[in-house]
Amino acid sequence: MSLYRIAIGTPGEASQPDAIRAAFAEFFSMIIFVFAGEGSGMAYNKLANNGPATPAGLIVASLSHAFGLFVAVSVGANHSGGHVNPAVTFGALIGGNITLLRCILYWIAQLLGSVVACVLLRSATGGMETPAFGLSSDVSTWNALVFEIVMTFGLVYTVYATAMDPKKENVGILAPIAIGFIVGANILAGGVFDGASMNPAVSFGPAVVSWSWTHHWVYWVGPFLGAGIAAIVYDNIFIGDDGHEPLSTSDF
């Protein structure tokens, strides 16, 4: 895949009203998603008195993240595309669907949204810990890296197929549902091994608020690699040169 599809953007793009609205959409969507996902884990820990992980807890995490992401993508789709994930934004950049400057704007909004959601959770729960993502005792960083790469590949591939492919028909609400479902399914597959983040912002907020950074790099490198591979594969095999049009100032 050539780099010509990666557009830098114009210097004044970050100050354009549509770009600012898009960033706010990502910010609020991320608050919605992280508050629901992280909050459900905290609620389950309270009910279980911080007991050991159970199959019920895994199912709760899967459902809360699937439902939360479905809503977060849906409410942001009309303004920002509903990325709600720095890795998804990176995948969109690789495929030429967003400019680099707007990509950076999205990343800032997404990371801030995650931190704000975790601060709100800690405040609302009277100071309960917002657990940071971590590896299970018998899981190596290499194992976790592979999990994050493969799971994020599936997520971004789904985003491309349902939301970014110019040849898709009007799928309407199907795209947010499919995106929520793949995240929920991946949590069932990888949650007990490394937490199944697939989203650097989702990992970043709890890490900042709890100030726990052990193996945190895995939750950046894995998702970005998986997103980049998915973008290259889908773009080259299913979209191709004929499916691309030049980005306008309103594209994201």
Protein backbone atom coordinates (compact mmCIF):
# COMPACT_ATOMS: atom_id res chain seq x y z
CA MET A 1 0.00 0.00 0.00
CA SER A 2 1.47 3.38 -0.95
CA LEU A 3 1.60 6.32 1.44
CA TYR A 4 -0.10 8.71 -0.96
CA ARG A 5 -3.45 8.01 0.70
CA ILE A 6 -2.26 9.48 4.01
CA ALA A 7 -3.33 13.12 3.85
CA ILE A 8 -1.71 15.68 6.16
CA GLY A 9 -4.54 18.22 6.11
CA THR A 10 -4.53 22.01 6.04
CA PRO A 11 -2.93 24.12 8.83
CA GLY A 12 -6.24 25.71 9.79
CA GLU A 13 -8.22 22.49 9.81
CA ALA A 14 -8.17 22.07 13.58
CA SER A 15 -9.96 25.40 14.03
CA GLN A 16 -12.76 24.67 11.57
CA PRO A 17 -16.21 24.38 13.23
CA ASP A 18 -16.88 20.91 11.80
CA ALA A 19 -13.54 19.63 13.10
CA ILE A 20 -14.22 21.03 16.56
CA ARG A 21 -17.71 19.49 16.59
CA ALA A 22 -16.23 16.17 15.50
CA ALA A 23 -13.68 16.28 18.32
CA PHE A 24 -16.39 17.04 20.87
CA ALA A 25 -18.42 14.14 19.47
CA GLU A 26 -15.47 11.80 20.06
CA PHE A 27 -14.94 13.25 23.54
CA PHE A 28 -18.53 12.69 24.67
CA SER A 29 -18.82 9.30 22.95
CA MET A 30 -15.71 8.16 24.78
CA ILE A 31 -17.12 9.33 28.12
CA ILE A 32 -20.29 7.33 27.44
CA PHE A 33 -18.37 4.20 26.46
CA VAL A 34 -15.74 4.22 29.23
CA PHE A 35 -18.22 5.18 31.95
CA ALA A 36 -20.43 2.22 31.02
CA GLY A 37 -17.64 -0.29 30.40
CA GLU A 38 -15.31 0.58 33.27
CA GLY A 39 -18.25 1.33 35.54
CA SER A 40 -19.80 -2.09 35.02
CA GLY A 41 -16.53 -3.71 36.08
CA MET A 42 -16.40 -1.58 39.21
CA ALA A 43 -20.03 -2.39 40.00
CA TYR A 44 -19.38 -6.11 39.60
CA ASN A 45 -16.32 -5.89 41.87
CA LYS A 46 -18.47 -4.19 44.52
CA LEU A 47 -21.13 -6.90 44.29
CA ALA A 48 -18.48 -9.63 44.46
CA ASN A 49 -16.51 -7.91 47.24
CA ASN A 50 -13.46 -7.83 44.95
CA GLY A 51 -13.50 -11.59 44.71
CA PRO A 52 -11.81 -13.67 42.01
CA ALA A 53 -12.78 -13.34 38.37
CA THR A 54 -15.73 -15.50 37.34
CA PRO A 55 -17.45 -16.46 34.07
CA ALA A 56 -20.36 -14.21 35.07
CA GLY A 57 -17.99 -11.26 35.36
CA LEU A 58 -16.65 -11.92 31.87
CA ILE A 59 -20.16 -11.98 30.42
CA VAL A 60 -21.03 -8.75 32.22
CA ALA A 61 -17.92 -7.07 30.77
CA SER A 62 -18.74 -8.34 27.29
CA LEU A 63 -22.34 -7.14 27.34
CA SER A 64 -21.62 -3.74 28.91
CA HIS A 65 -18.89 -2.93 26.42
CA ALA A 66 -20.93 -4.18 23.46
CA PHE A 67 -23.98 -2.14 24.46
CA GLY A 68 -21.95 0.91 25.44
CA LEU A 69 -19.97 0.94 22.20
CA PHE A 70 -23.10 0.47 20.11
CA VAL A 71 -24.56 3.63 21.67
CA ALA A 72 -21.27 5.58 21.60
CA VAL A 73 -20.69 4.86 17.90
CA SER A 74 -24.31 5.64 17.04
CA VAL A 75 -24.41 9.04 18.75
CA GLY A 76 -21.09 10.14 17.26
CA ALA A 77 -21.48 8.76 13.75
CA ASN A 78 -23.12 11.83 12.20
CA HIS A 79 -20.42 14.22 13.41
CA SER A 80 -17.12 12.33 13.69
CA GLY A 81 -17.79 8.96 12.13
CA GLY A 82 -18.10 7.42 15.61
CA HIS A 83 -14.54 6.13 15.91
CA VAL A 84 -14.46 6.07 19.75
CA ASN A 85 -11.00 4.50 19.53
CA PRO A 86 -7.55 5.90 18.63
CA ALA A 87 -6.76 2.63 16.83
CA VAL A 88 -9.86 2.96 14.63
CA THR A 89 -8.84 6.55 13.87
CA PHE A 90 -5.35 5.33 12.97
CA GLY A 91 -6.84 2.70 10.66
CA ALA A 92 -8.92 5.42 9.00
CA LEU A 93 -5.76 7.50 8.54
CA ILE A 94 -3.89 4.62 6.90
CA GLY A 95 -6.74 4.15 4.43
CA GLY A 96 -6.93 7.84 3.58
CA ASN A 97 -10.30 8.35 5.27
CA ILE A 98 -9.13 11.09 7.64
CA THR A 99 -6.35 13.65 7.60
CA LEU A 100 -3.41 13.49 9.99
CA LEU A 101 -4.29 16.79 11.64
CA ARG A 102 -7.87 15.72 12.30
CA CYS A 103 -6.57 12.34 13.45
CA ILE A 104 -4.46 14.05 16.14
CA LEU A 105 -7.47 16.14 17.17
CA TYR A 106 -9.52 12.95 17.57
CA TRP A 107 -6.77 11.28 19.61
CA ILE A 108 -6.63 14.18 22.07
CA ALA A 109 -10.42 14.19 22.46
CA GLN A 110 -10.58 10.40 22.90
CA LEU A 111 -7.86 10.29 25.55
CA LEU A 112 -9.36 13.22 27.46
CA GLY A 113 -12.81 11.62 27.31
CA SER A 114 -11.49 8.40 28.83
CA VAL A 115 -9.71 10.22 31.65
CA VAL A 116 -12.76 12.34 32.43
CA ALA A 117 -14.99 9.24 32.52
CA CYS A 118 -12.66 7.54 35.02
CA VAL A 119 -12.45 10.67 37.18
CA LEU A 120 -16.25 10.84 37.21
CA LEU A 121 -16.45 7.15 38.14
CA ARG A 122 -14.02 7.56 41.03
CA SER A 123 -15.93 10.59 42.27
CA ALA A 124 -19.37 9.00 41.90
CA THR A 125 -18.34 5.79 43.68
CA GLY A 126 -16.76 7.53 46.62
CA GLY A 127 -13.16 6.85 45.64
CA MET A 128 -13.35 3.29 44.33
CA GLU A 129 -10.37 2.18 42.26
CA THR A 130 -10.71 2.34 38.48
CA PRO A 131 -8.87 -0.89 37.61
CA ALA A 132 -6.18 -0.55 34.96
CA PHE A 133 -5.83 -3.18 32.27
CA GLY A 134 -3.33 -5.91 33.07
CA LEU A 135 -2.11 -9.34 32.06
CA SER A 136 -3.17 -12.56 33.77
CA SER A 137 -0.47 -14.29 35.76
CA ASP A 138 0.28 -16.92 33.12
CA VAL A 139 0.15 -14.55 30.13
CA SER A 140 3.33 -13.07 28.66
CA THR A 141 3.60 -9.69 27.00
CA TRP A 142 4.03 -11.50 23.67
CA ASN A 143 0.81 -13.45 24.25
CA ALA A 144 -1.04 -10.24 25.10
CA LEU A 145 0.44 -8.42 22.11
CA VAL A 146 -0.81 -11.12 19.75
CA PHE A 147 -4.25 -11.00 21.37
CA GLU A 148 -4.48 -7.22 20.97
CA ILE A 149 -3.26 -7.32 17.37
CA VAL A 150 -5.74 -10.02 16.30
CA MET A 151 -8.71 -8.61 18.22
CA THR A 152 -8.14 -5.07 16.96
CA PHE A 153 -7.68 -6.39 13.44
CA GLY A 154 -11.17 -7.91 13.69
CA LEU A 155 -12.59 -4.67 15.06
CA VAL A 156 -11.10 -2.36 12.43
CA TYR A 157 -11.85 -4.82 9.63
CA THR A 158 -15.48 -4.72 10.78
CA VAL A 159 -15.43 -0.91 10.85
CA TYR A 160 -14.10 -0.80 7.31
CA ALA A 161 -16.62 -3.32 6.02
CA THR A 162 -19.67 -1.74 7.60
CA ALA A 163 -18.83 1.97 7.82
CA MET A 164 -15.90 3.01 5.58
CA ASP A 165 -16.17 0.92 2.43
CA PRO A 166 -17.44 3.27 -0.31
CA LYS A 167 -19.07 0.30 -2.06
CA LYS A 168 -21.25 -0.57 0.92
CA GLU A 169 -24.96 0.00 0.68
CA ASN A 170 -26.86 1.99 3.29
CA VAL A 171 -26.37 -0.30 6.30
CA GLY A 172 -27.84 2.24 8.75
CA ILE A 173 -27.83 0.97 12.30
CA LEU A 174 -26.14 -2.30 11.30
CA ALA A 175 -22.66 -0.75 11.48
CA PRO A 176 -22.80 0.27 15.19
CA ILE A 177 -24.39 -3.08 16.05
CA ALA A 178 -21.69 -5.04 14.23
CA ILE A 179 -18.94 -2.95 15.82
CA GLY A 180 -20.41 -3.44 19.30
CA PHE A 181 -20.85 -7.17 18.70
CA ILE A 182 -17.26 -7.77 17.60
CA VAL A 183 -15.94 -5.97 20.67
CA GLY A 184 -18.23 -7.99 22.93
CA ALA A 185 -17.21 -11.23 21.24
CA ASN A 186 -13.51 -10.38 21.49
CA ILE A 187 -13.87 -9.69 25.21
CA LEU A 188 -15.30 -13.19 25.63
CA ALA A 189 -12.25 -14.52 23.78
CA GLY A 190 -9.47 -12.41 25.28
CA GLY A 191 -10.85 -10.84 28.43
CA VAL A 192 -9.42 -13.42 30.81
CA PHE A 193 -5.96 -13.15 29.24
CA ASP A 194 -5.24 -9.42 29.00
CA GLY A 195 -8.56 -7.63 29.51
CA ALA A 196 -9.22 -7.36 25.76
CA SER A 197 -8.77 -3.63 25.38
CA MET A 198 -8.51 -3.13 21.57
CA ASN A 199 -8.57 0.57 22.40
CA PRO A 200 -5.61 2.62 23.70
CA ALA A 201 -7.92 5.30 25.13
CA VAL A 202 -9.92 2.76 27.13
CA SER A 203 -6.64 1.58 28.68
CA PHE A 204 -5.25 5.09 29.11
CA GLY A 205 -7.99 6.56 31.32
CA PRO A 206 -7.85 3.93 34.09
CA ALA A 207 -4.04 3.92 33.95
CA VAL A 208 -3.92 7.68 34.53
CA VAL A 209 -6.47 7.74 37.33
CA SER A 210 -5.06 4.68 39.14
CA TRP A 211 -1.49 5.56 38.05
CA SER A 212 -0.74 1.98 37.04
CA TRP A 213 1.40 1.58 33.91
CA THR A 214 2.56 -2.04 34.03
CA HIS A 215 2.68 -3.46 30.49
CA HIS A 216 0.72 -0.41 29.33
CA TRP A 217 2.68 -0.27 26.06
CA VAL A 218 1.00 -3.51 24.96
CA TYR A 219 -2.35 -1.71 24.84
CA TRP A 220 -0.95 0.85 22.39
CA VAL A 221 1.34 -1.19 20.17
CA GLY A 222 -1.05 -4.14 19.75
CA PRO A 223 -4.14 -2.13 18.75
CA PHE A 224 -2.20 0.18 16.42
CA LEU A 225 -0.54 -2.75 14.66
CA GLY A 226 -3.84 -4.61 14.34
CA ALA A 227 -5.61 -1.50 13.05
CA GLY A 228 -2.89 -0.75 10.52
CA ILE A 229 -2.88 -4.30 9.18
CA ALA A 230 -6.68 -4.35 8.90
CA ALA A 231 -6.70 -1.03 7.04
CA ILE A 232 -4.03 -2.17 4.58
CA VAL A 233 -5.67 -5.55 3.97
CA TYR A 234 -9.20 -4.22 3.50
CA ASP A 235 -8.13 -1.19 1.49
CA ASN A 236 -6.00 -3.15 -0.96
CA ILE A 237 -8.18 -6.23 -1.39
CA PHE A 238 -11.72 -4.85 -1.23
CA ILE A 239 -11.53 -1.12 -1.98
CA GLY A 240 -8.57 -0.67 -4.30
CA ASP A 241 -7.56 2.41 -6.24
CA ASP A 242 -10.91 2.78 -7.98
CA GLY A 243 -12.81 3.03 -4.70
CA HIS A 244 -10.99 6.13 -3.43
CA GLU A 245 -11.94 9.73 -3.92
CA PRO A 246 -9.89 12.76 -2.79
CA LEU A 247 -10.58 13.97 0.74
CA SER A 248 -12.52 17.19 1.00
CA THR A 249 -12.21 19.57 3.92
CA SER A 250 -15.27 17.98 5.53
CA ASP A 251 -14.07 14.37 5.31
CA PHE A 252 -13.11 12.46 8.41
